[in-house]
């Protein structure tokens, strides 16, 4: 069997033959037993494939997917769209309690060590460990 016969059988199976081509194909099938047996096998396989094919891949699958995407876009454009900062806030929201606890711990630790800064330092300078710019502080920070 030649490739042209196979191509013609595949086209016949998918319904792509014109009426004149279909008539010629049926005449060829009537005259050739081997071709007729191959055609029957191809029809059985085609039937099995049609029966087991997923329903989601019916004809025009790509068109249905594109329509679904467009309808989702239309629905999301009517609602408030999420921007990058909203996404970051959503991502880091679970870390906020941990970060606040860490900041409170560091602030209390610095407050307890305020004698290194000086007792006359303000509250904010003490909790942020804002060492005054003195030669002694520069020497300690240089170590």
C-alpha atoms as a PDB file:
ATOM      1  CA  UNK A   1       0.000   0.000   0.000  1.00  0.00           C
ATOM      2  CA  UNK A   2       1.377   3.377  -0.961  1.00  0.00           C
ATOM      3  CA  UNK A   3       1.433   6.542   1.090  1.00  0.00           C
ATOM      4  CA  UNK A   4      -1.060   8.171  -1.264  1.00  0.00           C
ATOM      5  CA  UNK A   5      -3.629   5.465  -0.409  1.00  0.00           C
ATOM      6  CA  UNK A   6      -2.964   5.928   3.306  1.00  0.00           C
ATOM      7  CA  UNK A   7      -3.346   9.673   2.992  1.00  0.00           C
ATOM      8  CA  UNK A   8      -6.559   9.211   1.039  1.00  0.00           C
ATOM      9  CA  UNK A   9      -7.918   6.833   3.694  1.00  0.00           C
ATOM     10  CA  UNK A  10      -7.090   9.302   6.470  1.00  0.00           C
ATOM     11  CA  UNK A  11      -8.775  12.088   4.541  1.00  0.00           C
ATOM     12  CA  UNK A  12     -11.819   9.846   3.994  1.00  0.00           C
ATOM     13  CA  UNK A  13     -11.914   8.985   7.693  1.00  0.00           C
ATOM     14  CA  UNK A  14     -11.921  12.666   8.676  1.00  0.00           C
ATOM     15  CA  UNK A  15     -14.451  13.557   5.969  1.00  0.00           C
ATOM     16  CA  UNK A  16     -12.113  15.739   3.937  1.00  0.00           C
ATOM     17  CA  UNK A  17     -12.781  14.105   0.532  1.00  0.00           C
ATOM     18  CA  UNK A  18     -14.901  15.848  -2.065  1.00  0.00           C
ATOM     19  CA  UNK A  19     -17.811  13.943  -3.590  1.00  0.00           C
ATOM     20  CA  UNK A  20     -15.827  12.980  -6.697  1.00  0.00           C
ATOM     21  CA  UNK A  21     -12.834  11.876  -4.598  1.00  0.00           C
ATOM     22  CA  UNK A  22     -15.166   9.917  -2.305  1.00  0.00           C
ATOM     23  CA  UNK A  23     -16.718   8.112  -5.303  1.00  0.00           C
ATOM     24  CA  UNK A  24     -13.280   7.227  -6.702  1.00  0.00           C
ATOM     25  CA  UNK A  25     -12.163   6.041  -3.260  1.00  0.00           C
ATOM     26  CA  UNK A  26     -15.200   3.762  -2.888  1.00  0.00           C
ATOM     27  CA  UNK A  27     -14.555   2.305  -6.360  1.00  0.00           C
ATOM     28  CA  UNK A  28     -10.941   1.575  -5.383  1.00  0.00           C
ATOM     29  CA  UNK A  29     -12.103  -0.081  -2.153  1.00  0.00           C
ATOM     30  CA  UNK A  30     -14.527  -2.316  -4.089  1.00  0.00           C
ATOM     31  CA  UNK A  31     -11.727  -3.548  -6.367  1.00  0.00           C
ATOM     32  CA  UNK A  32      -8.917  -4.049  -3.783  1.00  0.00           C
ATOM     33  CA  UNK A  33      -9.400  -6.552  -0.947  1.00  0.00           C
ATOM     34  CA  UNK A  34      -6.203  -5.557   0.906  1.00  0.00           C
ATOM     35  CA  UNK A  35      -7.148  -1.896   0.790  1.00  0.00           C
ATOM     36  CA  UNK A  36     -10.662  -2.716   2.000  1.00  0.00           C
ATOM     37  CA  UNK A  37      -9.255  -4.719   4.957  1.00  0.00           C
ATOM     38  CA  UNK A  38      -6.930  -1.829   5.830  1.00  0.00           C
ATOM     39  CA  UNK A  39      -9.860   0.609   5.581  1.00  0.00           C
ATOM     40  CA  UNK A  40     -11.964  -1.515   7.951  1.00  0.00           C
ATOM     41  CA  UNK A  41      -9.075  -1.638  10.452  1.00  0.00           C
ATOM     42  CA  UNK A  42      -8.622   2.124  10.193  1.00  0.00           C
ATOM     43  CA  UNK A  43     -12.343   2.676  10.794  1.00  0.00           C
ATOM     44  CA  UNK A  44     -12.240   0.447  13.907  1.00  0.00           C
ATOM     45  CA  UNK A  45      -9.240   2.332  15.287  1.00  0.00           C
ATOM     46  CA  UNK A  46     -10.905   5.640  14.484  1.00  0.00           C
ATOM     47  CA  UNK A  47     -14.051   4.522  16.285  1.00  0.00           C
ATOM     48  CA  UNK A  48     -12.051   3.467  19.337  1.00  0.00           C
ATOM     49  CA  UNK A  49     -10.245   6.790  19.374  1.00  0.00           C
ATOM     50  CA  UNK A  50     -13.495   8.715  19.129  1.00  0.00           C
ATOM     51  CA  UNK A  51     -14.997   6.689  21.981  1.00  0.00           C
ATOM     52  CA  UNK A  52     -12.034   7.214  24.290  1.00  0.00           C
ATOM     53  CA  UNK A  53     -11.312  10.832  23.392  1.00  0.00           C
ATOM     54  CA  UNK A  54     -11.664  13.282  26.272  1.00  0.00           C
ATOM     55  CA  UNK A  55     -14.749  15.436  26.036  1.00  0.00           C
ATOM     56  CA  UNK A  56     -12.722  18.524  26.839  1.00  0.00           C
ATOM     57  CA  UNK A  57     -10.927  18.200  23.510  1.00  0.00           C
ATOM     58  CA  UNK A  58     -14.020  18.345  21.354  1.00  0.00           C
ATOM     59  CA  UNK A  59     -13.759  20.388  18.155  1.00  0.00           C
ATOM     60  CA  UNK A  60     -12.967  24.068  18.643  1.00  0.00           C
ATOM     61  CA  UNK A  61     -11.143  23.406  21.926  1.00  0.00           C
ATOM     62  CA  UNK A  62      -8.760  26.334  21.372  1.00  0.00           C
ATOM     63  CA  UNK A  63     -11.680  28.688  20.699  1.00  0.00           C
ATOM     64  CA  UNK A  64     -13.388  27.623  23.927  1.00  0.00           C
ATOM     65  CA  UNK A  65     -10.165  28.156  25.885  1.00  0.00           C
ATOM     66  CA  UNK A  66      -9.713  31.626  24.395  1.00  0.00           C
ATOM     67  CA  UNK A  67     -13.323  32.538  25.222  1.00  0.00           C
ATOM     68  CA  UNK A  68     -12.869  31.363  28.807  1.00  0.00           C
ATOM     69  CA  UNK A  69      -9.711  33.446  29.177  1.00  0.00           C
ATOM     70  CA  UNK A  70     -11.479  36.508  27.808  1.00  0.00           C
ATOM     71  CA  UNK A  71     -14.448  36.034  30.141  1.00  0.00           C
ATOM     72  CA  UNK A  72     -12.078  35.696  33.122  1.00  0.00           C
ATOM     73  CA  UNK A  73     -10.259  38.854  32.059  1.00  0.00           C
ATOM     74  CA  UNK A  74     -13.527  40.738  31.748  1.00  0.00           C
ATOM     75  CA  UNK A  75     -14.603  39.576  35.207  1.00  0.00           C
ATOM     76  CA  UNK A  76     -11.280  40.532  36.777  1.00  0.00           C
ATOM     77  CA  UNK A  77     -11.141  43.927  35.042  1.00  0.00           C
ATOM     78  CA  UNK A  78     -14.490  44.889  36.527  1.00  0.00           C
ATOM     79  CA  UNK A  79     -13.182  44.092  40.011  1.00  0.00           C
ATOM     80  CA  UNK A  80     -10.268  45.964  41.533  1.00  0.00           C
ATOM     81  CA  UNK A  81      -7.088  44.668  39.955  1.00  0.00           C
ATOM     82  CA  UNK A  82      -4.281  43.533  42.178  1.00  0.00           C
ATOM     83  CA  UNK A  83      -0.985  45.300  41.739  1.00  0.00           C
ATOM     84  CA  UNK A  84       2.506  44.310  42.754  1.00  0.00           C
ATOM     85  CA  UNK A  85       2.450  45.981  46.170  1.00  0.00           C
ATOM     86  CA  UNK A  86      -0.815  44.226  47.046  1.00  0.00           C
ATOM     87  CA  UNK A  87       0.754  40.907  46.095  1.00  0.00           C
ATOM     88  CA  UNK A  88       3.801  41.619  48.255  1.00  0.00           C
ATOM     89  CA  UNK A  89       1.611  42.615  51.194  1.00  0.00           C
ATOM     90  CA  UNK A  90      -0.346  39.365  50.843  1.00  0.00           C
ATOM     91  CA  UNK A  91       2.889  37.372  50.620  1.00  0.00           C
ATOM     92  CA  UNK A  92       4.554  38.882  53.701  1.00  0.00           C
ATOM     93  CA  UNK A  93       1.442  39.277  55.868  1.00  0.00           C
ATOM     94  CA  UNK A  94       2.144  36.044  57.822  1.00  0.00           C
ATOM     95  CA  UNK A  95       5.591  37.406  58.766  1.00  0.00           C
ATOM     96  CA  UNK A  96       4.282  40.635  60.335  1.00  0.00           C
ATOM     97  CA  UNK A  97       3.766  39.215  63.870  1.00  0.00           C
ATOM     98  CA  UNK A  98       7.259  37.697  63.850  1.00  0.00           C
ATOM     99  CA  UNK A  99       8.792  40.954  62.614  1.00  0.00           C
ATOM    100  CA  UNK A 100       6.936  42.973  65.267  1.00  0.00           C
ATOM    101  CA  UNK A 101       8.097  40.586  67.995  1.00  0.00           C
ATOM    102  CA  UNK A 102      11.683  40.890  66.748  1.00  0.00           C
ATOM    103  CA  UNK A 103      11.498  44.696  66.700  1.00  0.00           C
ATOM    104  CA  UNK A 104      10.063  44.724  70.238  1.00  0.00           C
ATOM    105  CA  UNK A 105      12.797  42.380  71.456  1.00  0.00           C
ATOM    106  CA  UNK A 106      15.553  44.499  69.920  1.00  0.00           C
ATOM    107  CA  UNK A 107      14.015  47.699  71.282  1.00  0.00           C
ATOM    108  CA  UNK A 108      13.863  46.266  74.808  1.00  0.00           C
ATOM    109  CA  UNK A 109      17.385  44.922  74.519  1.00  0.00           C
ATOM    110  CA  UNK A 110      18.669  48.331  73.431  1.00  0.00           C
ATOM    111  CA  UNK A 111      16.675  50.006  76.207  1.00  0.00           C
ATOM    112  CA  UNK A 112      18.346  47.764  78.792  1.00  0.00           C
ATOM    113  CA  UNK A 113      21.760  48.664  77.402  1.00  0.00           C
ATOM    114  CA  UNK A 114      21.047  52.411  77.307  1.00  0.00           C
ATOM    115  CA  UNK A 115      23.964  53.195  79.611  1.00  0.00           C
ATOM    116  CA  UNK A 116      26.223  52.583  76.604  1.00  0.00           C
ATOM    117  CA  UNK A 117      24.471  55.445  74.858  1.00  0.00           C
ATOM    118  CA  UNK A 118      24.047  57.619  77.882  1.00  0.00           C
ATOM    119  CA  UNK A 119      21.300  58.107  80.423  1.00  0.00           C
ATOM    120  CA  UNK A 120      20.483  61.514  78.993  1.00  0.00           C
ATOM    121  CA  UNK A 121      19.588  60.002  75.568  1.00  0.00           C
ATOM    122  CA  UNK A 122      16.010  60.297  74.372  1.00  0.00           C
ATOM    123  CA  UNK A 123      13.658  57.320  74.329  1.00  0.00           C
ATOM    124  CA  UNK A 124      13.964  56.868  70.530  1.00  0.00           C
ATOM    125  CA  UNK A 125      17.743  57.197  70.645  1.00  0.00           C
ATOM    126  CA  UNK A 126      17.854  54.543  73.368  1.00  0.00           C
ATOM    127  CA  UNK A 127      15.635  51.954  71.641  1.00  0.00           C
ATOM    128  CA  UNK A 128      17.274  52.446  68.257  1.00  0.00           C
ATOM    129  CA  UNK A 129      20.741  52.419  69.848  1.00  0.00           C
ATOM    130  CA  UNK A 130      21.557  55.725  68.244  1.00  0.00           C
ATOM    131  CA  UNK A 131      25.052  56.261  69.567  1.00  0.00           C
ATOM    132  CA  UNK A 132      26.035  59.952  69.620  1.00  0.00           C
ATOM    133  CA  UNK A 133      28.806  60.830  67.207  1.00  0.00           C
ATOM    134  CA  UNK A 134      31.763  61.221  69.555  1.00  0.00           C
ATOM    135  CA  UNK A 135      35.393  60.218  69.156  1.00  0.00           C
ATOM    136  CA  UNK A 136      34.921  57.481  71.738  1.00  0.00           C
ATOM    137  CA  UNK A 137      31.899  56.059  69.884  1.00  0.00           C
ATOM    138  CA  UNK A 138      33.829  56.148  66.613  1.00  0.00           C
ATOM    139  CA  UNK A 139      36.686  54.259  68.259  1.00  0.00           C
ATOM    140  CA  UNK A 140      34.276  51.610  69.663  1.00  0.00           C
ATOM    141  CA  UNK A 141      32.471  51.232  66.323  1.00  0.00           C
ATOM    142  CA  UNK A 142      35.805  50.944  64.477  1.00  0.00           C
ATOM    143  CA  UNK A 143      36.759  47.837  66.448  1.00  0.00           C
END
